[in-house]
């Protein structure tokens, strides 16, 4: 399977996955016991969405404009997202 997350990073499914994960981790942290979270299938720590937006990636269009970029507007209108407002979307707003 030819899958490169750099093209899918920030798409609607990625945003949903992180929203659910943040909600779950928040619920687990409410308990008085510690937790261990181990992600066995994580990729790189960050992806350069600006490079994808400027056309530096040659083979595909990025998917983040239909996910993370739309979330930016929602976070600004709906302050109920909580932890998702900390997503690195400030640089995306410039594009």
PDB file of N, CA and C in Angstrom:
ATOM      1  N   UNK A   1       0.840  -1.177   0.000  1.00  0.00           N
ATOM      2  CA  UNK A   1       0.000   0.000   0.000  1.00  0.00           C
ATOM      3  C   UNK A   1       0.884   1.238   0.000  1.00  0.00           C
ATOM      4  N   UNK A   2       0.634   2.139  -0.900  1.00  0.00           N
ATOM      5  CA  UNK A   2       1.407   3.367  -0.987  1.00  0.00           C
ATOM      6  C   UNK A   2       0.669   4.471  -0.228  1.00  0.00           C
ATOM      7  N   UNK A   3       1.006   4.645   1.034  1.00  0.00           N
ATOM      8  CA  UNK A   3       0.344   5.646   1.872  1.00  0.00           C
ATOM      9  C   UNK A   3       1.379   6.610   2.397  1.00  0.00           C
ATOM     10  N   UNK A   4       1.191   7.868   2.138  1.00  0.00           N
ATOM     11  CA  UNK A   4       2.070   8.895   2.677  1.00  0.00           C
ATOM     12  C   UNK A   4       1.217   9.870   3.473  1.00  0.00           C
ATOM     13  N   UNK A   5       1.431   9.883   4.766  1.00  0.00           N
ATOM     14  CA  UNK A   5       0.580  10.693   5.632  1.00  0.00           C
ATOM     15  C   UNK A   5       0.754  12.187   5.371  1.00  0.00           C
ATOM     16  N   UNK A   6       1.865  12.592   4.790  1.00  0.00           N
ATOM     17  CA  UNK A   6       2.061  14.019   4.540  1.00  0.00           C
ATOM     18  C   UNK A   6       0.965  14.585   3.654  1.00  0.00           C
ATOM     19  N   UNK A   7       0.340  13.772   2.825  1.00  0.00           N
ATOM     20  CA  UNK A   7      -0.753  14.237   1.974  1.00  0.00           C
ATOM     21  C   UNK A   7      -2.093  14.206   2.701  1.00  0.00           C
ATOM     22  N   UNK A   8      -2.205  13.361   3.719  1.00  0.00           N
ATOM     23  CA  UNK A   8      -3.453  13.194   4.445  1.00  0.00           C
ATOM     24  C   UNK A   8      -3.460  13.935   5.774  1.00  0.00           C
ATOM     25  N   UNK A   9      -2.304  14.426   6.201  1.00  0.00           N
ATOM     26  CA  UNK A   9      -2.196  15.105   7.495  1.00  0.00           C
ATOM     27  C   UNK A   9      -3.146  16.291   7.545  1.00  0.00           C
ATOM     28  N   UNK A  10      -3.943  16.315   8.591  1.00  0.00           N
ATOM     29  CA  UNK A  10      -4.865  17.426   8.782  1.00  0.00           C
ATOM     30  C   UNK A  10      -6.188  17.292   8.055  1.00  0.00           C
ATOM     31  N   UNK A  11      -6.421  16.165   7.359  1.00  0.00           N
ATOM     32  CA  UNK A  11      -7.703  16.018   6.663  1.00  0.00           C
ATOM     33  C   UNK A  11      -8.815  15.788   7.685  1.00  0.00           C
ATOM     34  N   UNK A  12     -10.055  15.707   7.227  1.00  0.00           N
ATOM     35  CA  UNK A  12     -11.185  15.615   8.158  1.00  0.00           C
ATOM     36  C   UNK A  12     -11.087  14.392   9.066  1.00  0.00           C
ATOM     37  N   UNK A  13     -10.623  13.268   8.530  1.00  0.00           N
ATOM     38  CA  UNK A  13     -10.508  12.048   9.343  1.00  0.00           C
ATOM     39  C   UNK A  13      -9.412  12.200  10.391  1.00  0.00           C
ATOM     40  N   UNK A  14      -8.327  12.862  10.030  1.00  0.00           N
ATOM     41  CA  UNK A  14      -7.227  13.104  10.963  1.00  0.00           C
ATOM     42  C   UNK A  14      -7.696  14.022  12.099  1.00  0.00           C
ATOM     43  N   UNK A  15      -8.456  15.045  11.746  1.00  0.00           N
ATOM     44  CA  UNK A  15      -8.983  15.967  12.759  1.00  0.00           C
ATOM     45  C   UNK A  15      -9.940  15.221  13.692  1.00  0.00           C
ATOM     46  N   UNK A  16     -10.819  14.403  13.137  1.00  0.00           N
ATOM     47  CA  UNK A  16     -11.744  13.630  13.968  1.00  0.00           C
ATOM     48  C   UNK A  16     -10.994  12.685  14.895  1.00  0.00           C
ATOM     49  N   UNK A  17      -9.982  12.005  14.362  1.00  0.00           N
ATOM     50  CA  UNK A  17      -9.188  11.072  15.176  1.00  0.00           C
ATOM     51  C   UNK A  17      -8.563  11.789  16.365  1.00  0.00           C
ATOM     52  N   UNK A  18      -7.991  12.953  16.116  1.00  0.00           N
ATOM     53  CA  UNK A  18      -7.338  13.694  17.200  1.00  0.00           C
ATOM     54  C   UNK A  18      -8.355  14.268  18.180  1.00  0.00           C
ATOM     55  N   UNK A  19      -9.523  14.662  17.699  1.00  0.00           N
ATOM     56  CA  UNK A  19     -10.572  15.163  18.590  1.00  0.00           C
ATOM     57  C   UNK A  19     -11.028  14.068  19.547  1.00  0.00           C
ATOM     58  N   UNK A  20     -11.272  12.878  19.012  1.00  0.00           N
ATOM     59  CA  UNK A  20     -11.701  11.749  19.847  1.00  0.00           C
ATOM     60  C   UNK A  20     -10.594  11.372  20.828  1.00  0.00           C
ATOM     61  N   UNK A  21      -9.364  11.332  20.349  1.00  0.00           N
ATOM     62  CA  UNK A  21      -8.238  10.989  21.220  1.00  0.00           C
ATOM     63  C   UNK A  21      -8.091  11.998  22.359  1.00  0.00           C
ATOM     64  N   UNK A  22      -8.182  13.290  22.050  1.00  0.00           N
ATOM     65  CA  UNK A  22      -8.067  14.309  23.098  1.00  0.00           C
ATOM     66  C   UNK A  22      -9.199  14.194  24.116  1.00  0.00           C
ATOM     67  N   UNK A  23     -10.397  13.928  23.640  1.00  0.00           N
ATOM     68  CA  UNK A  23     -11.530  13.770  24.554  1.00  0.00           C
ATOM     69  C   UNK A  23     -11.320  12.550  25.457  1.00  0.00           C
ATOM     70  N   UNK A  24     -10.886  11.449  24.873  1.00  0.00           N
ATOM     71  CA  UNK A  24     -10.634  10.232  25.640  1.00  0.00           C
ATOM     72  C   UNK A  24      -9.521  10.445  26.671  1.00  0.00           C
ATOM     73  N   UNK A  25      -8.427  11.070  26.260  1.00  0.00           N
ATOM     74  CA  UNK A  25      -7.335  11.316  27.198  1.00  0.00           C
ATOM     75  C   UNK A  25      -7.765  12.251  28.322  1.00  0.00           C
ATOM     76  N   UNK A  26      -8.583  13.243  27.988  1.00  0.00           N
ATOM     77  CA  UNK A  26      -9.095  14.138  29.025  1.00  0.00           C
ATOM     78  C   UNK A  26      -9.946  13.393  30.040  1.00  0.00           C
ATOM     79  N   UNK A  27     -10.770  12.476  29.567  1.00  0.00           N
ATOM     80  CA  UNK A  27     -11.604  11.679  30.467  1.00  0.00           C
ATOM     81  C   UNK A  27     -10.744  10.764  31.340  1.00  0.00           C
ATOM     82  N   UNK A  28      -9.717  10.178  30.748  1.00  0.00           N
ATOM     83  CA  UNK A  28      -8.835   9.303  31.529  1.00  0.00           C
ATOM     84  C   UNK A  28      -8.041  10.081  32.569  1.00  0.00           C
ATOM     85  N   UNK A  29      -7.680  11.316  32.262  1.00  0.00           N
ATOM     86  CA  UNK A  29      -6.917  12.132  33.208  1.00  0.00           C
ATOM     87  C   UNK A  29      -7.776  12.598  34.383  1.00  0.00           C
ATOM     88  N   UNK A  30      -9.077  12.528  34.238  1.00  0.00           N
ATOM     89  CA  UNK A  30      -9.962  12.933  35.329  1.00  0.00           C
ATOM     90  C   UNK A  30      -9.917  11.939  36.486  1.00  0.00           C
ATOM     91  N   UNK A  31      -9.459  10.735  36.218  1.00  0.00           N
ATOM     92  CA  UNK A  31      -9.347   9.725  37.271  1.00  0.00           C
ATOM     93  C   UNK A  31      -8.128  10.042  38.141  1.00  0.00           C
ATOM     94  N   UNK A  32      -8.125   9.510  39.349  1.00  0.00           N
ATOM     95  CA  UNK A  32      -7.016   9.786  40.258  1.00  0.00           C
ATOM     96  C   UNK A  32      -5.817   8.866  40.035  1.00  0.00           C
ATOM     97  N   UNK A  33      -5.928   7.936  39.094  1.00  0.00           N
ATOM     98  CA  UNK A  33      -4.805   7.056  38.784  1.00  0.00           C
ATOM     99  C   UNK A  33      -4.089   7.548  37.536  1.00  0.00           C
ATOM    100  N   UNK A  34      -2.851   7.176  37.391  1.00  0.00           N
ATOM    101  CA  UNK A  34      -2.083   7.539  36.212  1.00  0.00           C
ATOM    102  C   UNK A  34      -2.487   6.698  35.008  1.00  0.00           C
ATOM    103  N   UNK A  35      -2.073   7.134  33.837  1.00  0.00           N
ATOM    104  CA  UNK A  35      -2.357   6.390  32.607  1.00  0.00           C
ATOM    105  C   UNK A  35      -1.064   6.259  31.808  1.00  0.00           C
ATOM    106  N   UNK A  36      -1.040   5.282  30.946  1.00  0.00           N
ATOM    107  CA  UNK A  36       0.053   5.118  30.000  1.00  0.00           C
ATOM    108  C   UNK A  36      -0.561   5.091  28.609  1.00  0.00           C
ATOM    109  N   UNK A  37      -0.128   5.994  27.766  1.00  0.00           N
ATOM    110  CA  UNK A  37      -0.610   6.021  26.385  1.00  0.00           C
ATOM    111  C   UNK A  37       0.573   5.713  25.487  1.00  0.00           C
ATOM    112  N   UNK A  38       0.461   4.659  24.722  1.00  0.00           N
ATOM    113  CA  UNK A  38       1.524   4.235  23.828  1.00  0.00           C
ATOM    114  C   UNK A  38       0.953   4.112  22.423  1.00  0.00           C
ATOM    115  N   UNK A  39       1.430   4.920  21.520  1.00  0.00           N
ATOM    116  CA  UNK A  39       0.948   4.889  20.135  1.00  0.00           C
ATOM    117  C   UNK A  39       1.930   4.051  19.327  1.00  0.00           C
ATOM    118  N   UNK A  40       1.494   2.894  18.910  1.00  0.00           N
ATOM    119  CA  UNK A  40       2.384   1.977  18.192  1.00  0.00           C
ATOM    120  C   UNK A  40       2.440   2.253  16.694  1.00  0.00           C
ATOM    121  N   UNK A  41       1.565   3.125  16.193  1.00  0.00           N
ATOM    122  CA  UNK A  41       1.525   3.374  14.756  1.00  0.00           C
ATOM    123  C   UNK A  41       1.655   4.867  14.426  1.00  0.00           C
ATOM    124  N   UNK A  42       2.333   5.589  15.268  1.00  0.00           N
ATOM    125  CA  UNK A  42       2.461   7.026  15.015  1.00  0.00           C
ATOM    126  C   UNK A  42       3.482   7.279  13.901  1.00  0.00           C
ATOM    127  N   UNK A  43       3.320   8.381  13.253  1.00  0.00           N
ATOM    128  CA  UNK A  43       4.244   8.786  12.190  1.00  0.00           C
ATOM    129  C   UNK A  43       5.198   9.830  12.729  1.00  0.00           C
ATOM    130  N   UNK A  44       5.650  10.699  11.842  1.00  0.00           N
ATOM    131  CA  UNK A  44       6.516  11.796  12.272  1.00  0.00           C
ATOM    132  C   UNK A  44       5.751  12.683  13.247  1.00  0.00           C
ATOM    133  N   UNK A  45       6.470  13.460  14.001  1.00  0.00           N
ATOM    134  CA  UNK A  45       5.843  14.338  14.979  1.00  0.00           C
ATOM    135  C   UNK A  45       5.122  15.521  14.362  1.00  0.00           C
ATOM    136  N   UNK A  46       5.515  15.929  13.181  1.00  0.00           N
ATOM    137  CA  UNK A  46       4.875  17.070  12.549  1.00  0.00           C
ATOM    138  C   UNK A  46       5.025  17.006  11.043  1.00  0.00           C
ATOM    139  N   UNK A  47       4.140  17.694  10.368  1.00  0.00           N
ATOM    140  CA  UNK A  47       4.151  17.716   8.908  1.00  0.00           C
ATOM    141  C   UNK A  47       4.097  19.156   8.442  1.00  0.00           C
ATOM    142  N   UNK A  48       4.858  19.470   7.429  1.00  0.00           N
ATOM    143  CA  UNK A  48       4.932  20.826   6.904  1.00  0.00           C
ATOM    144  C   UNK A  48       3.764  21.073   5.948  1.00  0.00           C
ATOM    145  N   UNK A  49       2.658  21.548   6.498  1.00  0.00           N
ATOM    146  CA  UNK A  49       1.488  21.808   5.673  1.00  0.00           C
ATOM    147  C   UNK A  49       1.717  23.005   4.763  1.00  0.00           C
ATOM    148  N   UNK A  50       2.585  23.915   5.158  1.00  0.00           N
ATOM    149  CA  UNK A  50       2.873  25.081   4.323  1.00  0.00           C
ATOM    150  C   UNK A  50       3.573  24.667   3.032  1.00  0.00           C
ATOM    151  N   UNK A  51       4.460  23.688   3.106  1.00  0.00           N
ATOM    152  CA  UNK A  51       5.137  23.210   1.896  1.00  0.00           C
ATOM    153  C   UNK A  51       4.142  22.570   0.950  1.00  0.00           C
ATOM    154  N   UNK A  52       3.214  21.818   1.501  1.00  0.00           N
ATOM    155  CA  UNK A  52       2.191  21.200   0.664  1.00  0.00           C
ATOM    156  C   UNK A  52       1.307  22.268   0.031  1.00  0.00           C
ATOM    157  N   UNK A  53       1.027  23.326   0.775  1.00  0.00           N
ATOM    158  CA  UNK A  53       0.163  24.393   0.258  1.00  0.00           C
ATOM    159  C   UNK A  53       0.844  25.203  -0.836  1.00  0.00           C
ATOM    160  N   UNK A  54       2.168  25.285  -0.789  1.00  0.00           N
ATOM    161  CA  UNK A  54       2.879  26.089  -1.781  1.00  0.00           C
ATOM    162  C   UNK A  54       3.244  25.288  -3.024  1.00  0.00           C
ATOM    163  N   UNK A  55       2.843  24.020  -3.072  1.00  0.00           N
ATOM    164  CA  UNK A  55       3.097  23.210  -4.254  1.00  0.00           C
ATOM    165  C   UNK A  55       4.449  22.526  -4.271  1.00  0.00           C
ATOM    166  N   UNK A  56       5.135  22.489  -3.141  1.00  0.00           N
ATOM    167  CA  UNK A  56       6.436  21.832  -3.099  1.00  0.00           C
ATOM    168  C   UNK A  56       6.318  20.314  -3.117  1.00  0.00           C
ATOM    169  N   UNK A  57       5.142  19.796  -2.845  1.00  0.00           N
ATOM    170  CA  UNK A  57       4.916  18.366  -2.994  1.00  0.00           C
ATOM    171  C   UNK A  57       4.345  18.153  -4.382  1.00  0.00           C
ATOM    172  N   UNK A  58       4.948  17.304  -5.154  1.00  0.00           N
ATOM    173  CA  UNK A  58       4.672  17.249  -6.583  1.00  0.00           C
ATOM    174  C   UNK A  58       3.585  16.270  -7.006  1.00  0.00           C
ATOM    175  N   UNK A  59       3.314  15.260  -6.210  1.00  0.00           N
ATOM    176  CA  UNK A  59       2.472  14.185  -6.721  1.00  0.00           C
ATOM    177  C   UNK A  59       0.995  14.307  -6.378  1.00  0.00           C
ATOM    178  N   UNK A  60       0.633  15.021  -5.312  1.00  0.00           N
ATOM    179  CA  UNK A  60      -0.776  15.084  -4.893  1.00  0.00           C
ATOM    180  C   UNK A  60      -1.091  16.433  -4.279  1.00  0.00           C
ATOM    181  N   UNK A  61      -2.355  16.762  -4.312  1.00  0.00           N
ATOM    182  CA  UNK A  61      -2.829  17.941  -3.594  1.00  0.00           C
ATOM    183  C   UNK A  61      -3.002  17.562  -2.126  1.00  0.00           C
ATOM    184  N   UNK A  62      -2.677  18.458  -1.208  1.00  0.00           N
ATOM    185  CA  UNK A  62      -2.861  18.149   0.211  1.00  0.00           C
ATOM    186  C   UNK A  62      -4.342  18.113   0.570  1.00  0.00           C
ATOM    187  N   UNK A  63      -4.658  17.402   1.640  1.00  0.00           N
ATOM    188  CA  UNK A  63      -6.046  17.257   2.069  1.00  0.00           C
ATOM    189  C   UNK A  63      -6.398  18.140   3.256  1.00  0.00           C
ATOM    190  N   UNK A  64      -5.409  18.831   3.847  1.00  0.00           N
ATOM    191  CA  UNK A  64      -5.691  19.607   5.052  1.00  0.00           C
ATOM    192  C   UNK A  64      -6.654  20.781   4.831  1.00  0.00           C
ATOM    193  N   UNK A  65      -6.764  21.355   3.624  1.00  0.00           N
ATOM    194  CA  UNK A  65      -7.735  22.452   3.487  1.00  0.00           C
ATOM    195  C   UNK A  65      -9.181  22.021   3.769  1.00  0.00           C
ATOM    196  N   UNK A  66      -9.498  20.745   3.565  1.00  0.00           N
ATOM    197  CA  UNK A  66     -10.847  20.258   3.843  1.00  0.00           C
ATOM    198  C   UNK A  66     -10.996  19.715   5.254  1.00  0.00           C
ATOM    199  N   UNK A  67      -9.978  19.849   6.067  1.00  0.00           N
ATOM    200  CA  UNK A  67     -10.035  19.353   7.440  1.00  0.00           C
ATOM    201  C   UNK A  67      -9.599  20.408   8.429  1.00  0.00           C
ATOM    202  N   UNK A  68      -8.285  20.506   8.615  1.00  0.00           N
ATOM    203  CA  UNK A  68      -7.748  21.378   9.641  1.00  0.00           C
ATOM    204  C   UNK A  68      -8.041  22.852   9.340  1.00  0.00           C
ATOM    205  N   UNK A  69      -8.008  23.245   8.093  1.00  0.00           N
ATOM    206  CA  UNK A  69      -8.286  24.646   7.756  1.00  0.00           C
ATOM    207  C   UNK A  69      -9.741  24.998   8.079  1.00  0.00           C
ATOM    208  N   UNK A  70     -10.666  24.093   7.783  1.00  0.00           N
ATOM    209  CA  UNK A  70     -12.075  24.331   8.115  1.00  0.00           C
ATOM    210  C   UNK A  70     -12.277  24.368   9.627  1.00  0.00           C
ATOM    211  N   UNK A  71     -11.495  23.558  10.351  1.00  0.00           N
ATOM    212  CA  UNK A  71     -11.591  23.544  11.802  1.00  0.00           C
ATOM    213  C   UNK A  71     -11.219  24.903  12.374  1.00  0.00           C
ATOM    214  N   UNK A  72     -10.262  25.573  11.786  1.00  0.00           N
ATOM    215  CA  UNK A  72      -9.843  26.879  12.283  1.00  0.00           C
ATOM    216  C   UNK A  72     -11.042  27.810  12.386  1.00  0.00           C
ATOM    217  N   UNK A  73     -11.858  27.884  11.351  1.00  0.00           N
ATOM    218  CA  UNK A  73     -13.043  28.729  11.394  1.00  0.00           C
ATOM    219  C   UNK A  73     -14.022  28.282  12.457  1.00  0.00           C
ATOM    220  N   UNK A  74     -14.162  26.979  12.638  1.00  0.00           N
ATOM    221  CA  UNK A  74     -15.079  26.454  13.650  1.00  0.00           C
ATOM    222  C   UNK A  74     -14.598  26.779  15.051  1.00  0.00           C
ATOM    223  N   UNK A  75     -13.297  26.669  15.276  1.00  0.00           N
ATOM    224  CA  UNK A  75     -12.747  26.960  16.604  1.00  0.00           C
ATOM    225  C   UNK A  75     -12.957  28.422  16.933  1.00  0.00           C
ATOM    226  N   UNK A  76     -12.796  29.284  15.949  1.00  0.00           N
ATOM    227  CA  UNK A  76     -12.980  30.705  16.210  1.00  0.00           C
ATOM    228  C   UNK A  76     -14.443  31.037  16.494  1.00  0.00           C
ATOM    229  N   UNK A  77     -15.376  30.319  15.861  1.00  0.00           N
ATOM    230  CA  UNK A  77     -16.808  30.555  16.082  1.00  0.00           C
ATOM    231  C   UNK A  77     -17.343  29.796  17.290  1.00  0.00           C
ATOM    232  N   UNK A  78     -16.887  28.575  17.471  1.00  0.00           N
ATOM    233  CA  UNK A  78     -17.388  27.721  18.548  1.00  0.00           C
ATOM    234  C   UNK A  78     -16.274  27.473  19.552  1.00  0.00           C
ATOM    235  N   UNK A  79     -16.333  28.101  20.669  1.00  0.00           N
ATOM    236  CA  UNK A  79     -15.262  27.970  21.654  1.00  0.00           C
ATOM    237  C   UNK A  79     -15.414  26.717  22.503  1.00  0.00           C
ATOM    238  N   UNK A  80     -16.233  25.767  22.059  1.00  0.00           N
ATOM    239  CA  UNK A  80     -16.467  24.553  22.826  1.00  0.00           C
ATOM    240  C   UNK A  80     -15.484  23.444  22.471  1.00  0.00           C
ATOM    241  N   UNK A  81     -14.577  23.670  21.550  1.00  0.00           N
ATOM    242  CA  UNK A  81     -13.668  22.617  21.109  1.00  0.00           C
ATOM    243  C   UNK A  81     -12.602  22.337  22.170  1.00  0.00           C
ATOM    244  N   UNK A  82     -12.302  23.281  23.018  1.00  0.00           N
ATOM    245  CA  UNK A  82     -11.358  23.078  24.106  1.00  0.00           C
ATOM    246  C   UNK A  82      -9.947  22.784  23.624  1.00  0.00           C
ATOM    247  N   UNK A  83      -9.441  21.568  23.896  1.00  0.00           N
ATOM    248  CA  UNK A  83      -8.049  21.250  23.573  1.00  0.00           C
ATOM    249  C   UNK A  83      -7.708  21.387  22.097  1.00  0.00           C
ATOM    250  N   UNK A  84      -8.682  21.237  21.210  1.00  0.00           N
ATOM    251  CA  UNK A  84      -8.372  21.352  19.792  1.00  0.00           C
ATOM    252  C   UNK A  84      -7.983  22.768  19.387  1.00  0.00           C
ATOM    253  N   UNK A  85      -8.326  23.749  20.200  1.00  0.00           N
ATOM    254  CA  UNK A  85      -7.952  25.115  19.861  1.00  0.00           C
ATOM    255  C   UNK A  85      -6.443  25.304  19.943  1.00  0.00           C
ATOM    256  N   UNK A  86      -5.731  24.355  20.565  1.00  0.00           N
ATOM    257  CA  UNK A  86      -4.281  24.427  20.638  1.00  0.00           C
ATOM    258  C   UNK A  86      -3.570  23.814  19.447  1.00  0.00           C
ATOM    259  N   UNK A  87      -4.320  23.285  18.479  1.00  0.00           N
ATOM    260  CA  UNK A  87      -3.710  22.712  17.286  1.00  0.00           C
ATOM    261  C   UNK A  87      -2.969  23.800  16.531  1.00  0.00           C
ATOM    262  N   UNK A  88      -1.886  23.448  15.945  1.00  0.00           N
ATOM    263  CA  UNK A  88      -1.055  24.421  15.247  1.00  0.00           C
ATOM    264  C   UNK A  88      -1.700  24.863  13.940  1.00  0.00           C
ATOM    265  N   UNK A  89      -2.670  25.756  14.047  1.00  0.00           N
ATOM    266  CA  UNK A  89      -3.373  26.236  12.856  1.00  0.00           C
ATOM    267  C   UNK A  89      -3.055  27.693  12.556  1.00  0.00           C
ATOM    268  N   UNK A  90      -2.247  28.312  13.367  1.00  0.00           N
ATOM    269  CA  UNK A  90      -1.941  29.726  13.167  1.00  0.00           C
ATOM    270  C   UNK A  90      -1.222  29.929  11.838  1.00  0.00           C
ATOM    271  N   UNK A  91      -0.284  29.049  11.505  1.00  0.00           N
ATOM    272  CA  UNK A  91       0.414  29.179  10.228  1.00  0.00           C
ATOM    273  C   UNK A  91      -0.513  28.891   9.061  1.00  0.00           C
ATOM    274  N   UNK A  92      -1.466  27.996   9.246  1.00  0.00           N
ATOM    275  CA  UNK A  92      -2.396  27.662   8.178  1.00  0.00           C
ATOM    276  C   UNK A  92      -3.259  28.865   7.819  1.00  0.00           C
ATOM    277  N   UNK A  93      -3.593  29.676   8.815  1.00  0.00           N
ATOM    278  CA  UNK A  93      -4.466  30.824   8.581  1.00  0.00           C
ATOM    279  C   UNK A  93      -3.858  31.804   7.584  1.00  0.00           C
ATOM    280  N   UNK A  94      -2.558  31.755   7.385  1.00  0.00           N
ATOM    281  CA  UNK A  94      -1.893  32.669   6.456  1.00  0.00           C
ATOM    282  C   UNK A  94      -2.129  32.282   5.003  1.00  0.00           C
ATOM    283  N   UNK A  95      -2.592  31.071   4.742  1.00  0.00           N
ATOM    284  CA  UNK A  95      -2.723  30.598   3.364  1.00  0.00           C
ATOM    285  C   UNK A  95      -4.133  30.671   2.867  1.00  0.00           C
TER     286      UNK A  95
END
